Amino acid sequence: MMKASRWDWRMKRRASKDLVFCHNDLSTHNIIVDPDTLAITAIVDWEYGGFYTREFEGKYYLRPGPSVALAGETADEDWLLSILEKNKE
């Protein structure tokens, strides 16, 4: 099975206003913090950012490391892709 390109993920127009802006990879690796003040100075890696349903903004910031499923966790990529497929143009 060939993986869909990001541009194949476009959703059809929606009557409801249920989309939210998601970073989609907001983990500790993508938040730059000033070491002296602990102020957030940048959020990087926006390649998956966009307007999606709430299911897409996982709480990746709660864990150390990347936003991929860790040992013992269930990966959610197939579930999220099914949401996009269901709402495709």
Protein backbone atom coordinates (compact mmCIF):
# COMPACT_ATOMS: atom_id res chain seq x y z
CA MET A 1 0.00 0.00 0.00
CA MET A 2 1.42 3.37 -1.01
CA LYS A 3 1.43 6.04 1.67
CA ALA A 4 -0.67 9.12 0.87
CA SER A 5 1.17 12.37 0.28
CA ARG A 6 0.32 15.24 2.57
CA TRP A 7 -1.47 17.01 -0.29
CA ASP A 8 -3.78 14.01 -0.73
CA TRP A 9 -5.09 14.74 2.78
CA ARG A 10 -7.14 17.80 1.85
CA MET A 11 -10.51 17.74 3.57
CA LYS A 12 -13.74 18.68 1.83
CA ARG A 13 -15.49 21.89 2.81
CA ARG A 14 -17.31 21.54 6.09
CA ALA A 15 -20.51 23.17 7.23
CA SER A 16 -19.51 22.93 10.89
CA LYS A 17 -16.72 24.96 12.40
CA ASP A 18 -15.11 22.02 14.21
CA LEU A 19 -11.57 22.46 12.85
CA VAL A 20 -8.79 23.77 15.08
CA PHE A 21 -5.26 24.87 14.23
CA CYS A 22 -2.88 22.07 15.15
CA HIS A 23 0.91 21.92 15.23
CA ASN A 24 0.71 18.12 15.06
CA ASP A 25 4.19 17.60 16.50
CA LEU A 26 4.34 19.82 19.58
CA SER A 27 6.83 17.80 21.59
CA THR A 28 9.72 18.93 23.76
CA HIS A 29 12.03 18.58 20.76
CA ASN A 30 10.19 21.36 18.95
CA ILE A 31 9.96 23.97 21.69
CA ILE A 32 13.02 26.20 22.05
CA VAL A 33 13.46 27.64 25.54
CA ASP A 34 15.87 30.31 26.76
CA PRO A 35 18.07 28.49 29.31
CA ASP A 36 18.39 31.57 31.54
CA THR A 37 14.79 32.79 31.69
CA LEU A 38 12.98 29.56 30.70
CA ALA A 39 10.87 31.68 28.33
CA ILE A 40 9.73 29.97 25.15
CA THR A 41 11.66 31.64 22.33
CA ALA A 42 10.42 29.57 19.37
CA ILE A 43 8.26 26.69 18.28
CA VAL A 44 9.72 24.89 15.29
CA ASP A 45 8.89 22.06 12.88
CA TRP A 46 5.56 23.27 11.47
CA GLU A 47 5.51 20.93 8.44
CA TYR A 48 2.38 19.11 9.68
CA GLY A 49 0.64 22.22 10.99
CA GLY A 50 -2.81 23.11 9.70
CA PHE A 51 -6.53 23.04 10.42
CA TYR A 52 -7.71 19.60 11.48
CA THR A 53 -10.31 18.04 13.76
CA ARG A 54 -9.44 18.03 17.48
CA GLU A 55 -8.29 14.41 17.34
CA PHE A 56 -5.13 15.54 15.56
CA GLU A 57 -3.68 17.65 18.37
CA GLY A 58 -2.36 15.00 20.70
CA LYS A 59 -0.79 15.91 24.04
CA TYR A 60 2.71 15.17 22.80
CA TYR A 61 4.10 17.97 24.98
CA LEU A 62 3.40 15.84 28.07
CA ARG A 63 6.13 13.34 27.22
CA PRO A 64 9.86 13.66 26.81
CA GLY A 65 11.07 12.84 23.33
CA PRO A 66 9.40 12.62 19.94
CA SER A 67 5.68 12.57 19.24
CA VAL A 68 5.68 9.06 17.78
CA ALA A 69 4.21 6.16 19.74
CA LEU A 70 6.61 4.91 22.39
CA ALA A 71 7.06 1.30 23.52
CA GLY A 72 3.78 -0.03 24.87
CA GLU A 73 1.66 2.68 23.22
CA THR A 74 -0.65 2.25 20.27
CA ALA A 75 0.31 4.24 17.17
CA ASP A 76 -2.55 6.44 15.98
CA GLU A 77 -1.46 7.17 12.40
CA ASP A 78 -3.92 4.76 10.76
CA TRP A 79 -6.81 6.10 12.86
CA LEU A 80 -5.97 9.74 11.97
CA LEU A 81 -5.57 8.87 8.28
CA SER A 82 -9.00 7.23 8.35
CA ILE A 83 -10.49 10.54 9.60
CA LEU A 84 -8.85 12.36 6.69
CA GLU A 85 -9.97 9.72 4.20
CA LYS A 86 -13.57 9.97 5.48
CA ASN A 87 -13.52 13.77 4.97
CA LYS A 88 -11.61 13.86 1.68
CA GLU A 89 -12.64 16.24 -1.13
